[in-house]
Amino acid sequence: MEIAIDRERFKFFIRVGGAYLLLQVFVDLVSHPETFLKRVVNNCWLVGYLIVINFLFYEYVLPFIKLTWKRIIAAPFILSANLFLYSFGFYFWRYIGIQSGIYFPLKVYPSALEGISNHFPYSAFSIIFFGIIRYSYDYRKLKEAAQQLRIEKQEAELNYLKSQTNPHFLFNTLNNIYSLARDKSDLAPESILRLSQILRFMLYETSGAYIRIEQELKIMADYIALEKLRYDESLSVDFKHDIDDMSQALPPLLLMPLVENAFKHGVSETRDHPFVDIHLSVNKQLLAFLVRNSTEEFLDELPVKENIGLSNLRRQLELLYTDFNLSVQQGDSTFTATLTINLASHV
């Protein structure tokens, strides 16, 4: 059976071995400065063996034991074999270095057993050293992978919500033009022109993660103007803004669902004195957006049921910001939506 070797993983163990070698070199520099250079050569020879044996132990032996209960039964024998490699094998590796003229025998041992006993702590410490660094490294990589997966999942969900919001916005606009065309209104050509401006914005400006807030204001103004074409002078629209920095970044069409909601579910269902009040302020990255519109009177005090536009907006805000508040309130003949965002809290 052929065993595939993960080269990237082996390179990681080489780097850990390099750190282990530096530690031993520092200890020898402090403890044995008179034989420092020879000990550096000896450590290079010994660490080469430890890199291989620790790589095999952590990457193959331990995973092999964890696979099935039958292998767990064989674990004592497998671990004993590794103990042999860390003790007798390590000392035998030293002997090979001496015979090859690579290793300097700075100390002569009366017996092999004494030599093994003297070198075993050196190899045993490598198990702890390699193990701590390996598991710390794997834990960090696992956290990074989990974080990346979470980010990718959020981005996928956010893109899905945007894919729902943008057509929703477009369909509402087309419905407005359809109403004008059905009534054979002279305002239909102007409405088509404004629609083309909105489409141009959606095609070329909303693909990125951010737009300037002045662009959001422009598309909002175009949409309001398009909506006003459907109504006579009875509709009152008060659109105000107070922004300290027009270049402030904002996700595209983030505020539009509240404006759409005011016209589609408010003004269009109001028979007498329809109105929409919109006020946007941004001061020191604190955004406050208020949309208040007329509605028919509600006699029953029921909880406000959010439509798909408001629900999608709320979920987008949860994915985009950590500090925000979206509240809606149904009055006797008014509906008020209030949104505050700390733009600095962007995820």
C-alpha atoms as a PDB file:
ATOM      1  CA  MET A   1       0.000   0.000   0.000  1.00  0.00           C
ATOM      2  CA  GLU A   2       1.420   3.333  -1.054  1.00  0.00           C
ATOM      3  CA  ILE A   3       1.349   6.119   1.532  1.00  0.00           C
ATOM      4  CA  ALA A   4       1.043   9.643   0.159  1.00  0.00           C
ATOM      5  CA  ILE A   5       3.150  12.256   1.915  1.00  0.00           C
ATOM      6  CA  ASP A   6       1.751  15.728   2.356  1.00  0.00           C
ATOM      7  CA  ARG A   7       4.710  17.859   1.328  1.00  0.00           C
ATOM      8  CA  GLU A   8       3.270  21.100   2.666  1.00  0.00           C
ATOM      9  CA  ARG A   9       2.688  19.424   6.007  1.00  0.00           C
ATOM     10  CA  PHE A  10       6.242  18.067   6.044  1.00  0.00           C
ATOM     11  CA  LYS A  11       7.579  21.553   5.308  1.00  0.00           C
ATOM     12  CA  PHE A  12       5.653  22.752   8.358  1.00  0.00           C
ATOM     13  CA  PHE A  13       7.441  20.144  10.500  1.00  0.00           C
ATOM     14  CA  ILE A  14      10.760  21.267   9.042  1.00  0.00           C
ATOM     15  CA  ARG A  15       9.985  24.815  10.204  1.00  0.00           C
ATOM     16  CA  VAL A  16       9.043  23.537  13.659  1.00  0.00           C
ATOM     17  CA  GLY A  17      12.275  21.539  13.682  1.00  0.00           C
ATOM     18  CA  GLY A  18      14.136  24.722  12.849  1.00  0.00           C
ATOM     19  CA  ALA A  19      12.566  26.415  15.871  1.00  0.00           C
ATOM     20  CA  TYR A  20      13.498  23.420  18.031  1.00  0.00           C
ATOM     21  CA  LEU A  21      17.071  23.621  16.731  1.00  0.00           C
ATOM     22  CA  LEU A  22      17.313  27.324  17.570  1.00  0.00           C
ATOM     23  CA  LEU A  23      16.133  26.578  21.102  1.00  0.00           C
ATOM     24  CA  GLN A  24      18.777  23.900  21.568  1.00  0.00           C
ATOM     25  CA  VAL A  25      21.458  26.129  20.057  1.00  0.00           C
ATOM     26  CA  PHE A  26      20.578  28.883  22.523  1.00  0.00           C
ATOM     27  CA  VAL A  27      20.779  26.431  25.443  1.00  0.00           C
ATOM     28  CA  ASP A  28      24.180  25.177  24.266  1.00  0.00           C
ATOM     29  CA  LEU A  29      25.475  28.723  23.818  1.00  0.00           C
ATOM     30  CA  VAL A  30      24.627  29.479  27.441  1.00  0.00           C
ATOM     31  CA  SER A  31      25.659  26.131  28.916  1.00  0.00           C
ATOM     32  CA  HIS A  32      28.628  25.028  26.785  1.00  0.00           C
ATOM     33  CA  PRO A  33      30.184  27.990  24.988  1.00  0.00           C
ATOM     34  CA  GLU A  34      33.559  26.212  24.676  1.00  0.00           C
ATOM     35  CA  THR A  35      32.100  23.472  22.427  1.00  0.00           C
ATOM     36  CA  PHE A  36      29.332  25.548  20.917  1.00  0.00           C
ATOM     37  CA  LEU A  37      30.117  25.021  17.212  1.00  0.00           C
ATOM     38  CA  LYS A  38      30.458  21.257  17.527  1.00  0.00           C
ATOM     39  CA  ARG A  39      27.203  21.081  19.424  1.00  0.00           C
ATOM     40  CA  VAL A  40      25.478  23.078  16.668  1.00  0.00           C
ATOM     41  CA  VAL A  41      26.589  20.443  14.142  1.00  0.00           C
ATOM     42  CA  ASN A  42      25.430  17.650  16.454  1.00  0.00           C
ATOM     43  CA  ASN A  43      22.046  19.285  16.981  1.00  0.00           C
ATOM     44  CA  CYS A  44      21.536  19.690  13.233  1.00  0.00           C
ATOM     45  CA  TRP A  45      22.121  15.963  12.807  1.00  0.00           C
ATOM     46  CA  LEU A  46      19.817  14.965  15.670  1.00  0.00           C
ATOM     47  CA  VAL A  47      17.006  17.398  14.808  1.00  0.00           C
ATOM     48  CA  GLY A  48      16.845  15.985  11.288  1.00  0.00           C
ATOM     49  CA  TYR A  49      15.875  12.624  12.795  1.00  0.00           C
ATOM     50  CA  LEU A  50      13.375  14.219  15.175  1.00  0.00           C
ATOM     51  CA  ILE A  51      11.635  16.060  12.324  1.00  0.00           C
ATOM     52  CA  VAL A  52      10.996  12.793  10.503  1.00  0.00           C
ATOM     53  CA  ILE A  53       9.948  10.775  13.556  1.00  0.00           C
ATOM     54  CA  ASN A  54       7.608  13.476  14.864  1.00  0.00           C
ATOM     55  CA  PHE A  55       6.094  13.933  11.416  1.00  0.00           C
ATOM     56  CA  LEU A  56       5.342  10.206  11.223  1.00  0.00           C
ATOM     57  CA  PHE A  57       4.022  10.118  14.792  1.00  0.00           C
ATOM     58  CA  TYR A  58       1.612  13.071  14.555  1.00  0.00           C
ATOM     59  CA  GLU A  59       0.547  12.739  10.918  1.00  0.00           C
ATOM     60  CA  TYR A  60       0.230   8.966  10.591  1.00  0.00           C
ATOM     61  CA  VAL A  61       0.468   7.062  13.872  1.00  0.00           C
ATOM     62  CA  LEU A  62      -2.040   9.063  15.942  1.00  0.00           C
ATOM     63  CA  PRO A  63      -4.607   9.398  13.098  1.00  0.00           C
ATOM     64  CA  PHE A  64      -4.231   5.649  12.432  1.00  0.00           C
ATOM     65  CA  ILE A  65      -5.031   4.806  16.064  1.00  0.00           C
ATOM     66  CA  LYS A  66      -8.106   7.068  16.113  1.00  0.00           C
ATOM     67  CA  LEU A  67      -9.804   5.460  13.104  1.00  0.00           C
ATOM     68  CA  THR A  68     -11.372   2.256  14.501  1.00  0.00           C
ATOM     69  CA  TRP A  69     -11.693   0.455  17.818  1.00  0.00           C
ATOM     70  CA  LYS A  70      -9.566  -2.401  16.458  1.00  0.00           C
ATOM     71  CA  ARG A  71      -6.696  -0.016  15.944  1.00  0.00           C
ATOM     72  CA  ILE A  72      -7.228   1.391  19.430  1.00  0.00           C
ATOM     73  CA  ILE A  73      -6.600  -2.133  20.755  1.00  0.00           C
ATOM     74  CA  ALA A  74      -3.318  -2.155  18.849  1.00  0.00           C
ATOM     75  CA  ALA A  75      -2.412   1.273  20.211  1.00  0.00           C
ATOM     76  CA  PRO A  76      -0.124   0.007  23.052  1.00  0.00           C
ATOM     77  CA  PHE A  77       2.006  -1.902  20.547  1.00  0.00           C
ATOM     78  CA  ILE A  78       2.158   1.001  18.114  1.00  0.00           C
ATOM     79  CA  LEU A  79       3.075   3.455  20.861  1.00  0.00           C
ATOM     80  CA  SER A  80       5.719   1.063  22.162  1.00  0.00           C
ATOM     81  CA  ALA A  81       7.242   0.937  18.699  1.00  0.00           C
ATOM     82  CA  ASN A  82       7.354   4.728  18.604  1.00  0.00           C
ATOM     83  CA  LEU A  83       8.879   4.830  22.061  1.00  0.00           C
ATOM     84  CA  PHE A  84      11.565   2.523  20.725  1.00  0.00           C
ATOM     85  CA  LEU A  85      12.211   4.927  17.834  1.00  0.00           C
ATOM     86  CA  TYR A  86      12.414   7.898  20.191  1.00  0.00           C
ATOM     87  CA  SER A  87      14.886   6.103  22.455  1.00  0.00           C
ATOM     88  CA  PHE A  88      16.912   3.320  20.796  1.00  0.00           C
ATOM     89  CA  GLY A  89      16.385   4.717  17.305  1.00  0.00           C
ATOM     90  CA  PHE A  90      17.467   8.184  18.373  1.00  0.00           C
ATOM     91  CA  TYR A  91      20.639   6.840  20.002  1.00  0.00           C
ATOM     92  CA  PHE A  92      21.317   4.633  16.949  1.00  0.00           C
ATOM     93  CA  TRP A  93      20.975   7.720  14.742  1.00  0.00           C
ATOM     94  CA  ARG A  94      23.678   9.365  16.874  1.00  0.00           C
ATOM     95  CA  TYR A  95      25.868   6.289  16.314  1.00  0.00           C
ATOM     96  CA  ILE A  96      25.377   6.534  12.528  1.00  0.00           C
ATOM     97  CA  GLY A  97      26.466  10.179  12.665  1.00  0.00           C
ATOM     98  CA  ILE A  98      29.624   9.264  14.601  1.00  0.00           C
ATOM     99  CA  GLN A  99      30.516   6.492  12.155  1.00  0.00           C
ATOM    100  CA  SER A 100      29.948   8.839   9.223  1.00  0.00           C
ATOM    101  CA  GLY A 101      32.119  11.577  10.724  1.00  0.00           C
ATOM    102  CA  ILE A 102      29.169  13.965  10.929  1.00  0.00           C
ATOM    103  CA  TYR A 103      28.593  13.828  14.679  1.00  0.00           C
ATOM    104  CA  PHE A 104      31.189  14.845  17.289  1.00  0.00           C
ATOM    105  CA  PRO A 105      31.225  12.394  20.242  1.00  0.00           C
ATOM    106  CA  LEU A 106      31.690  14.999  22.960  1.00  0.00           C
ATOM    107  CA  LYS A 107      30.843  12.428  25.612  1.00  0.00           C
ATOM    108  CA  VAL A 108      31.643   8.708  25.727  1.00  0.00           C
ATOM    109  CA  TYR A 109      29.070   6.448  27.367  1.00  0.00           C
ATOM    110  CA  PRO A 110      30.145   3.248  29.124  1.00  0.00           C
ATOM    111  CA  SER A 111      27.082   1.447  27.763  1.00  0.00           C
ATOM    112  CA  ALA A 112      24.381   1.944  25.147  1.00  0.00           C
ATOM    113  CA  LEU A 113      21.711   1.917  27.840  1.00  0.00           C
ATOM    114  CA  GLU A 114      23.322   4.876  29.596  1.00  0.00           C
ATOM    115  CA  GLY A 115      23.612   6.715  26.275  1.00  0.00           C
ATOM    116  CA  ILE A 116      19.954   6.041  25.562  1.00  0.00           C
ATOM    117  CA  SER A 117      18.937   7.276  29.001  1.00  0.00           C
ATOM    118  CA  ASN A 118      20.968  10.443  28.494  1.00  0.00           C
ATOM    119  CA  HIS A 119      19.491  11.250  25.071  1.00  0.00           C
ATOM    120  CA  PHE A 120      15.900  10.207  25.719  1.00  0.00           C
ATOM    121  CA  PRO A 121      14.877  13.499  27.455  1.00  0.00           C
ATOM    122  CA  TYR A 122      16.156  15.358  24.381  1.00  0.00           C
ATOM    123  CA  SER A 123      13.851  13.391  22.083  1.00  0.00           C
ATOM    124  CA  ALA A 124      10.976  13.235  24.589  1.00  0.00           C
ATOM    125  CA  PHE A 125      10.949  17.019  24.886  1.00  0.00           C
ATOM    126  CA  SER A 126      10.634  17.187  21.098  1.00  0.00           C
ATOM    127  CA  ILE A 127       7.310  15.308  21.347  1.00  0.00           C
ATOM    128  CA  ILE A 128       5.922  18.023  23.600  1.00  0.00           C
ATOM    129  CA  PHE A 129       7.473  20.838  21.558  1.00  0.00           C
ATOM    130  CA  PHE A 130       6.266  19.574  18.183  1.00  0.00           C
ATOM    131  CA  GLY A 131       2.867  18.630  19.631  1.00  0.00           C
ATOM    132  CA  ILE A 132       2.135  22.021  21.188  1.00  0.00           C
ATOM    133  CA  ILE A 133       3.125  23.946  18.070  1.00  0.00           C
ATOM    134  CA  ARG A 134       1.266  21.546  15.751  1.00  0.00           C
ATOM    135  CA  TYR A 135      -1.991  21.661  17.668  1.00  0.00           C
ATOM    136  CA  SER A 136      -1.750  25.417  18.188  1.00  0.00           C
ATOM    137  CA  TYR A 137      -1.172  25.878  14.464  1.00  0.00           C
ATOM    138  CA  ASP A 138      -4.039  23.535  13.515  1.00  0.00           C
ATOM    139  CA  TYR A 139      -6.390  25.236  15.981  1.00  0.00           C
ATOM    140  CA  ARG A 140      -5.584  28.644  14.519  1.00  0.00           C
ATOM    141  CA  LYS A 141      -6.065  27.359  10.965  1.00  0.00           C
ATOM    142  CA  LEU A 142      -9.367  25.770  11.972  1.00  0.00           C
ATOM    143  CA  LYS A 143     -10.590  29.039  13.456  1.00  0.00           C
ATOM    144  CA  GLU A 144      -9.513  30.912  10.324  1.00  0.00           C
ATOM    145  CA  ALA A 145     -11.316  28.363   8.127  1.00  0.00           C
ATOM    146  CA  ALA A 146     -14.462  28.615  10.265  1.00  0.00           C
ATOM    147  CA  GLN A 147     -14.285  32.413  10.125  1.00  0.00           C
ATOM    148  CA  GLN A 148     -13.818  32.349   6.362  1.00  0.00           C
ATOM    149  CA  LEU A 149     -16.730  29.947   6.002  1.00  0.00           C
ATOM    150  CA  ARG A 150     -18.910  32.219   8.119  1.00  0.00           C
ATOM    151  CA  ILE A 151     -17.934  35.239   6.001  1.00  0.00           C
ATOM    152  CA  GLU A 152     -18.633  33.367   2.765  1.00  0.00           C
ATOM    153  CA  LYS A 153     -22.000  32.214   4.091  1.00  0.00           C
ATOM    154  CA  GLN A 154     -22.925  35.759   5.102  1.00  0.00           C
ATOM    155  CA  GLU A 155     -21.818  37.120   1.719  1.00  0.00           C
ATOM    156  CA  ALA A 156     -23.899  34.484  -0.065  1.00  0.00           C
ATOM    157  CA  GLU A 157     -26.934  35.331   2.053  1.00  0.00           C
ATOM    158  CA  LEU A 158     -26.387  39.056   1.556  1.00  0.00           C
ATOM    159  CA  ASN A 159     -26.131  38.600  -2.217  1.00  0.00           C
ATOM    160  CA  TYR A 160     -29.324  36.555  -2.140  1.00  0.00           C
ATOM    161  CA  LEU A 161     -31.132  39.298  -0.233  1.00  0.00           C
ATOM    162  CA  LYS A 162     -29.865  41.894  -2.693  1.00  0.00           C
ATOM    163  CA  SER A 163     -31.042  39.739  -5.591  1.00  0.00           C
ATOM    164  CA  GLN A 164     -34.502  39.801  -4.031  1.00  0.00           C
ATOM    165  CA  THR A 165     -34.495  43.500  -3.176  1.00  0.00           C
ATOM    166  CA  ASN A 166     -33.317  44.862  -6.532  1.00  0.00           C
ATOM    167  CA  PRO A 167     -35.980  43.122  -8.688  1.00  0.00           C
ATOM    168  CA  HIS A 168     -38.574  44.052  -6.065  1.00  0.00           C
ATOM    169  CA  PHE A 169     -37.528  47.672  -6.445  1.00  0.00           C
ATOM    170  CA  LEU A 170     -37.579  47.406 -10.243  1.00  0.00           C
ATOM    171  CA  PHE A 171     -41.008  45.733 -10.410  1.00  0.00           C
ATOM    172  CA  ASN A 172     -42.544  48.457  -8.276  1.00  0.00           C
ATOM    173  CA  THR A 173     -41.132  51.062 -10.622  1.00  0.00           C
ATOM    174  CA  LEU A 174     -42.486  49.226 -13.678  1.00  0.00           C
ATOM    175  CA  ASN A 175     -45.896  49.062 -12.036  1.00  0.00           C
ATOM    176  CA  ASN A 176     -45.843  52.827 -11.699  1.00  0.00           C
ATOM    177  CA  ILE A 177     -45.146  53.255 -15.414  1.00  0.00           C
ATOM    178  CA  TYR A 178     -47.808  50.698 -16.263  1.00  0.00           C
ATOM    179  CA  SER A 179     -50.362  52.751 -14.316  1.00  0.00           C
ATOM    180  CA  LEU A 180     -49.452  55.877 -16.295  1.00  0.00           C
ATOM    181  CA  ALA A 181     -49.495  54.038 -19.616  1.00  0.00           C
ATOM    182  CA  ARG A 182     -52.869  52.473 -18.817  1.00  0.00           C
ATOM    183  CA  ASP A 183     -54.297  55.923 -18.130  1.00  0.00           C
ATOM    184  CA  LYS A 184     -52.649  57.205 -21.336  1.00  0.00           C
ATOM    185  CA  SER A 185     -50.925  59.886 -19.311  1.00  0.00           C
ATOM    186  CA  ASP A 186     -48.677  62.451 -21.024  1.00  0.00           C
ATOM    187  CA  LEU A 187     -46.244  61.809 -18.157  1.00  0.00           C
ATOM    188  CA  ALA A 188     -45.451  58.295 -19.365  1.00  0.00           C
ATOM    189  CA  PRO A 189     -42.423  59.385 -21.514  1.00  0.00           C
ATOM    190  CA  GLU A 190     -40.909  61.256 -18.561  1.00  0.00           C
ATOM    191  CA  SER A 191     -41.465  58.247 -16.329  1.00  0.00           C
ATOM    192  CA  ILE A 192     -39.675  55.993 -18.857  1.00  0.00           C
ATOM    193  CA  LEU A 193     -36.748  58.429 -18.901  1.00  0.00           C
ATOM    194  CA  ARG A 194     -36.511  58.330 -15.134  1.00  0.00           C
ATOM    195  CA  LEU A 195     -36.757  54.546 -15.218  1.00  0.00           C
ATOM    196  CA  SER A 196     -33.790  54.410 -17.595  1.00  0.00           C
ATOM    197  CA  GLN A 197     -31.782  56.468 -15.114  1.00  0.00           C
ATOM    198  CA  ILE A 198     -32.733  54.077 -12.347  1.00  0.00           C
ATOM    199  CA  LEU A 199     -31.816  51.047 -14.480  1.00  0.00           C
ATOM    200  CA  ARG A 200     -28.469  52.607 -15.379  1.00  0.00           C
ATOM    201  CA  PHE A 201     -27.761  53.081 -11.699  1.00  0.00           C
ATOM    202  CA  MET A 202     -28.759  49.506 -10.837  1.00  0.00           C
ATOM    203  CA  LEU A 203     -26.647  48.017 -13.631  1.00  0.00           C
ATOM    204  CA  TYR A 204     -23.463  50.024 -13.201  1.00  0.00           C
ATOM    205  CA  GLU A 205     -23.426  51.396  -9.665  1.00  0.00           C
ATOM    206  CA  THR A 206     -24.805  48.682  -7.386  1.00  0.00           C
ATOM    207  CA  SER A 207     -22.363  45.873  -8.223  1.00  0.00           C
ATOM    208  CA  GLY A 208     -19.807  47.055  -5.672  1.00  0.00           C
ATOM    209  CA  ALA A 209     -19.992  46.767  -1.914  1.00  0.00           C
ATOM    210  CA  TYR A 210     -20.323  50.539  -1.397  1.00  0.00           C
ATOM    211  CA  ILE A 211     -21.454  53.712  -3.096  1.00  0.00           C
ATOM    212  CA  ARG A 212     -21.177  57.340  -2.023  1.00  0.00           C
ATOM    213  CA  ILE A 213     -24.162  58.531  -0.043  1.00  0.00           C
ATOM    214  CA  GLU A 214     -24.774  61.272  -2.631  1.00  0.00           C
ATOM    215  CA  GLN A 215     -25.436  58.492  -5.172  1.00  0.00           C
ATOM    216  CA  GLU A 216     -28.003  56.948  -2.831  1.00  0.00           C
ATOM    217  CA  LEU A 217     -29.668  60.357  -2.515  1.00  0.00           C
ATOM    218  CA  LYS A 218     -29.735  60.742  -6.301  1.00  0.00           C
ATOM    219  CA  ILE A 219     -31.466  57.416  -6.924  1.00  0.00           C
ATOM    220  CA  MET A 220     -33.843  58.152  -4.060  1.00  0.00           C
ATOM    221  CA  ALA A 221     -34.758  61.512  -5.590  1.00  0.00           C
ATOM    222  CA  ASP A 222     -35.321  59.877  -9.009  1.00  0.00           C
ATOM    223  CA  TYR A 223     -37.573  57.271  -7.470  1.00  0.00           C
ATOM    224  CA  ILE A 224     -39.587  59.874  -5.541  1.00  0.00           C
ATOM    225  CA  ALA A 225     -39.982  61.968  -8.685  1.00  0.00           C
ATOM    226  CA  LEU A 226     -41.178  58.889 -10.569  1.00  0.00           C
ATOM    227  CA  GLU A 227     -43.697  58.100  -7.859  1.00  0.00           C
ATOM    228  CA  LYS A 228     -44.995  61.674  -7.810  1.00  0.00           C
ATOM    229  CA  LEU A 229     -45.882  61.406 -11.484  1.00  0.00           C
ATOM    230  CA  ARG A 230     -48.672  58.993 -10.532  1.00  0.00           C
ATOM    231  CA  TYR A 231     -50.412  61.453  -8.207  1.00  0.00           C
ATOM    232  CA  ASP A 232     -51.924  64.864  -8.529  1.00  0.00           C
ATOM    233  CA  GLU A 233     -51.149  67.875  -6.375  1.00  0.00           C
ATOM    234  CA  SER A 234     -52.845  66.239  -3.381  1.00  0.00           C
ATOM    235  CA  LEU A 235     -49.675  64.219  -2.651  1.00  0.00           C
ATOM    236  CA  SER A 236     -47.264  66.001  -0.334  1.00  0.00           C
ATOM    237  CA  VAL A 237     -43.633  64.853  -0.287  1.00  0.00           C
ATOM    238  CA  ASP A 238     -41.104  66.425   2.064  1.00  0.00           C
ATOM    239  CA  PHE A 239     -37.604  65.121   1.320  1.00  0.00           C
ATOM    240  CA  LYS A 240     -34.827  66.620   3.444  1.00  0.00           C
ATOM    241  CA  HIS A 241     -31.260  65.626   4.221  1.00  0.00           C
ATOM    242  CA  ASP A 242     -28.492  66.910   6.445  1.00  0.00           C
ATOM    243  CA  ILE A 243     -25.193  65.178   5.693  1.00  0.00           C
ATOM    244  CA  ASP A 244     -21.768  66.285   6.828  1.00  0.00           C
ATOM    245  CA  ASP A 245     -19.853  64.194   4.262  1.00  0.00           C
ATOM    246  CA  MET A 246     -21.441  63.355   0.893  1.00  0.00           C
ATOM    247  CA  SER A 247     -18.622  60.895   0.115  1.00  0.00           C
ATOM    248  CA  GLN A 248     -19.537  58.722   3.109  1.00  0.00           C
ATOM    249  CA  ALA A 249     -19.721  55.066   1.995  1.00  0.00           C
ATOM    250  CA  LEU A 250     -22.998  53.193   2.119  1.00  0.00           C
ATOM    251  CA  PRO A 251     -24.147  49.822   0.716  1.00  0.00           C
ATOM    252  CA  PRO A 252     -26.146  50.525  -2.478  1.00  0.00           C
ATOM    253  CA  LEU A 253     -29.948  50.756  -2.188  1.00  0.00           C
ATOM    254  CA  LEU A 254     -29.804  50.100   1.541  1.00  0.00           C
ATOM    255  CA  LEU A 255     -32.303  52.845   2.368  1.00  0.00           C
ATOM    256  CA  MET A 256     -34.616  52.365  -0.602  1.00  0.00           C
ATOM    257  CA  PRO A 257     -36.887  49.671   0.957  1.00  0.00           C
ATOM    258  CA  LEU A 258     -38.179  52.202   3.505  1.00  0.00           C
ATOM    259  CA  VAL A 259     -38.938  54.722   0.770  1.00  0.00           C
ATOM    260  CA  GLU A 260     -40.613  52.060  -1.382  1.00  0.00           C
ATOM    261  CA  ASN A 261     -42.646  50.897   1.580  1.00  0.00           C
ATOM    262  CA  ALA A 262     -43.942  54.437   2.199  1.00  0.00           C
ATOM    263  CA  PHE A 263     -45.368  54.696  -1.312  1.00  0.00           C
ATOM    264  CA  LYS A 264     -46.447  51.125  -2.004  1.00  0.00           C
ATOM    265  CA  HIS A 265     -48.045  50.301   1.343  1.00  0.00           C
ATOM    266  CA  GLY A 266     -48.844  53.814   2.519  1.00  0.00           C
ATOM    267  CA  VAL A 267     -49.599  56.515   0.006  1.00  0.00           C
ATOM    268  CA  SER A 268     -51.148  54.160  -2.568  1.00  0.00           C
ATOM    269  CA  GLU A 269     -53.669  53.018   0.059  1.00  0.00           C
ATOM    270  CA  THR A 270     -54.511  56.516   1.365  1.00  0.00           C
ATOM    271  CA  ARG A 271     -57.610  58.209   0.017  1.00  0.00           C
ATOM    272  CA  ASP A 272     -57.373  61.609   1.726  1.00  0.00           C
ATOM    273  CA  HIS A 273     -54.328  63.881   1.977  1.00  0.00           C
ATOM    274  CA  PRO A 274     -51.546  61.389   1.215  1.00  0.00           C
ATOM    275  CA  PHE A 275     -48.099  62.458   2.343  1.00  0.00           C
ATOM    276  CA  VAL A 276     -44.532  61.169   2.745  1.00  0.00           C
ATOM    277  CA  ASP A 277     -41.947  62.806   4.984  1.00  0.00           C
ATOM    278  CA  ILE A 278     -38.353  61.651   4.522  1.00  0.00           C
ATOM    279  CA  HIS A 279     -35.437  62.950   6.508  1.00  0.00           C
ATOM    280  CA  LEU A 280     -31.872  61.643   6.303  1.00  0.00           C
ATOM    281  CA  SER A 281     -29.005  62.885   8.429  1.00  0.00           C
ATOM    282  CA  VAL A 282     -25.445  61.649   8.740  1.00  0.00           C
ATOM    283  CA  ASN A 283     -23.244  63.225  11.378  1.00  0.00           C
ATOM    284  CA  LYS A 284     -19.895  61.757  12.442  1.00  0.00           C
ATOM    285  CA  GLN A 285     -20.781  58.386  10.887  1.00  0.00           C
ATOM    286  CA  LEU A 286     -24.078  58.185  12.738  1.00  0.00           C
ATOM    287  CA  LEU A 287     -26.887  57.779  10.226  1.00  0.00           C
ATOM    288  CA  ALA A 288     -30.479  58.593  11.139  1.00  0.00           C
ATOM    289  CA  PHE A 289     -33.216  57.926   8.593  1.00  0.00           C
ATOM    290  CA  LEU A 290     -36.857  58.738   9.251  1.00  0.00           C
ATOM    291  CA  VAL A 291     -39.681  57.884   6.854  1.00  0.00           C
ATOM    292  CA  ARG A 292     -43.209  58.843   7.834  1.00  0.00           C
ATOM    293  CA  ASN A 293     -46.185  58.323   5.568  1.00  0.00           C
ATOM    294  CA  SER A 294     -49.959  58.473   5.590  1.00  0.00           C
ATOM    295  CA  THR A 295     -52.065  55.316   5.921  1.00  0.00           C
ATOM    296  CA  GLU A 296     -55.680  54.439   6.339  1.00  0.00           C
ATOM    297  CA  GLU A 297     -56.875  54.466   9.942  1.00  0.00           C
ATOM    298  CA  PHE A 298     -56.447  51.243  11.887  1.00  0.00           C
ATOM    299  CA  LEU A 299     -58.918  50.632  14.665  1.00  0.00           C
ATOM    300  CA  ASP A 300     -57.308  47.424  15.936  1.00  0.00           C
ATOM    301  CA  GLU A 301     -54.026  47.744  17.746  1.00  0.00           C
ATOM    302  CA  LEU A 302     -52.206  44.819  16.172  1.00  0.00           C
ATOM    303  CA  PRO A 303     -48.442  44.267  15.934  1.00  0.00           C
ATOM    304  CA  VAL A 304     -46.976  45.629  12.709  1.00  0.00           C
ATOM    305  CA  LYS A 305     -46.423  42.795  10.224  1.00  0.00           C
ATOM    306  CA  GLU A 306     -43.290  43.455   8.198  1.00  0.00           C
ATOM    307  CA  ASN A 307     -43.444  42.836   4.457  1.00  0.00           C
ATOM    308  CA  ILE A 308     -40.654  41.175   2.494  1.00  0.00           C
ATOM    309  CA  GLY A 309     -38.913  44.485   1.838  1.00  0.00           C
ATOM    310  CA  LEU A 310     -38.632  45.381   5.519  1.00  0.00           C
ATOM    311  CA  SER A 311     -37.729  41.806   6.487  1.00  0.00           C
ATOM    312  CA  ASN A 312     -34.940  41.695   3.913  1.00  0.00           C
ATOM    313  CA  LEU A 313     -33.691  45.101   5.032  1.00  0.00           C
ATOM    314  CA  ARG A 314     -33.536  43.987   8.654  1.00  0.00           C
ATOM    315  CA  ARG A 315     -31.567  40.867   7.730  1.00  0.00           C
ATOM    316  CA  GLN A 316     -29.173  42.879   5.542  1.00  0.00           C
ATOM    317  CA  LEU A 317     -28.526  45.221   8.443  1.00  0.00           C
ATOM    318  CA  GLU A 318     -27.773  42.246  10.707  1.00  0.00           C
ATOM    319  CA  LEU A 319     -25.198  41.010   8.198  1.00  0.00           C
ATOM    320  CA  LEU A 320     -23.649  44.413   7.526  1.00  0.00           C
ATOM    321  CA  TYR A 321     -23.549  46.222  10.881  1.00  0.00           C
ATOM    322  CA  THR A 322     -23.179  45.435  14.545  1.00  0.00           C
ATOM    323  CA  ASP A 323     -24.687  48.694  15.815  1.00  0.00           C
ATOM    324  CA  PHE A 324     -28.047  49.622  14.312  1.00  0.00           C
ATOM    325  CA  ASN A 325     -31.717  49.945  15.171  1.00  0.00           C
ATOM    326  CA  LEU A 326     -34.727  49.620  12.888  1.00  0.00           C
ATOM    327  CA  SER A 327     -38.142  50.319  14.360  1.00  0.00           C
ATOM    328  CA  VAL A 328     -41.578  50.673  12.776  1.00  0.00           C
ATOM    329  CA  GLN A 329     -44.667  52.129  14.366  1.00  0.00           C
ATOM    330  CA  GLN A 330     -48.249  52.133  13.160  1.00  0.00           C
ATOM    331  CA  GLY A 331     -50.315  55.110  14.311  1.00  0.00           C
ATOM    332  CA  ASP A 332     -53.986  55.924  13.727  1.00  0.00           C
ATOM    333  CA  SER A 333     -53.361  57.270  10.241  1.00  0.00           C
ATOM    334  CA  THR A 334     -49.565  57.312   9.939  1.00  0.00           C
ATOM    335  CA  PHE A 335     -46.779  54.782   9.588  1.00  0.00           C
ATOM    336  CA  THR A 336     -43.312  55.676  10.829  1.00  0.00           C
ATOM    337  CA  ALA A 337     -40.067  53.825  10.133  1.00  0.00           C
ATOM    338  CA  THR A 338     -36.918  54.901  11.948  1.00  0.00           C
ATOM    339  CA  LEU A 339     -33.449  53.593  11.149  1.00  0.00           C
ATOM    340  CA  THR A 340     -30.224  54.489  12.924  1.00  0.00           C
ATOM    341  CA  ILE A 341     -26.850  53.031  11.962  1.00  0.00           C
ATOM    342  CA  ASN A 342     -23.392  53.517  13.329  1.00  0.00           C
ATOM    343  CA  LEU A 343     -21.610  53.350   9.986  1.00  0.00           C
ATOM    344  CA  ALA A 344     -18.323  52.697  11.748  1.00  0.00           C
ATOM    345  CA  SER A 345     -19.705  49.362  12.982  1.00  0.00           C
ATOM    346  CA  HIS A 346     -19.580  47.776   9.526  1.00  0.00           C
ATOM    347  CA  VAL A 347     -18.646  44.108   9.752  1.00  0.00           C
END
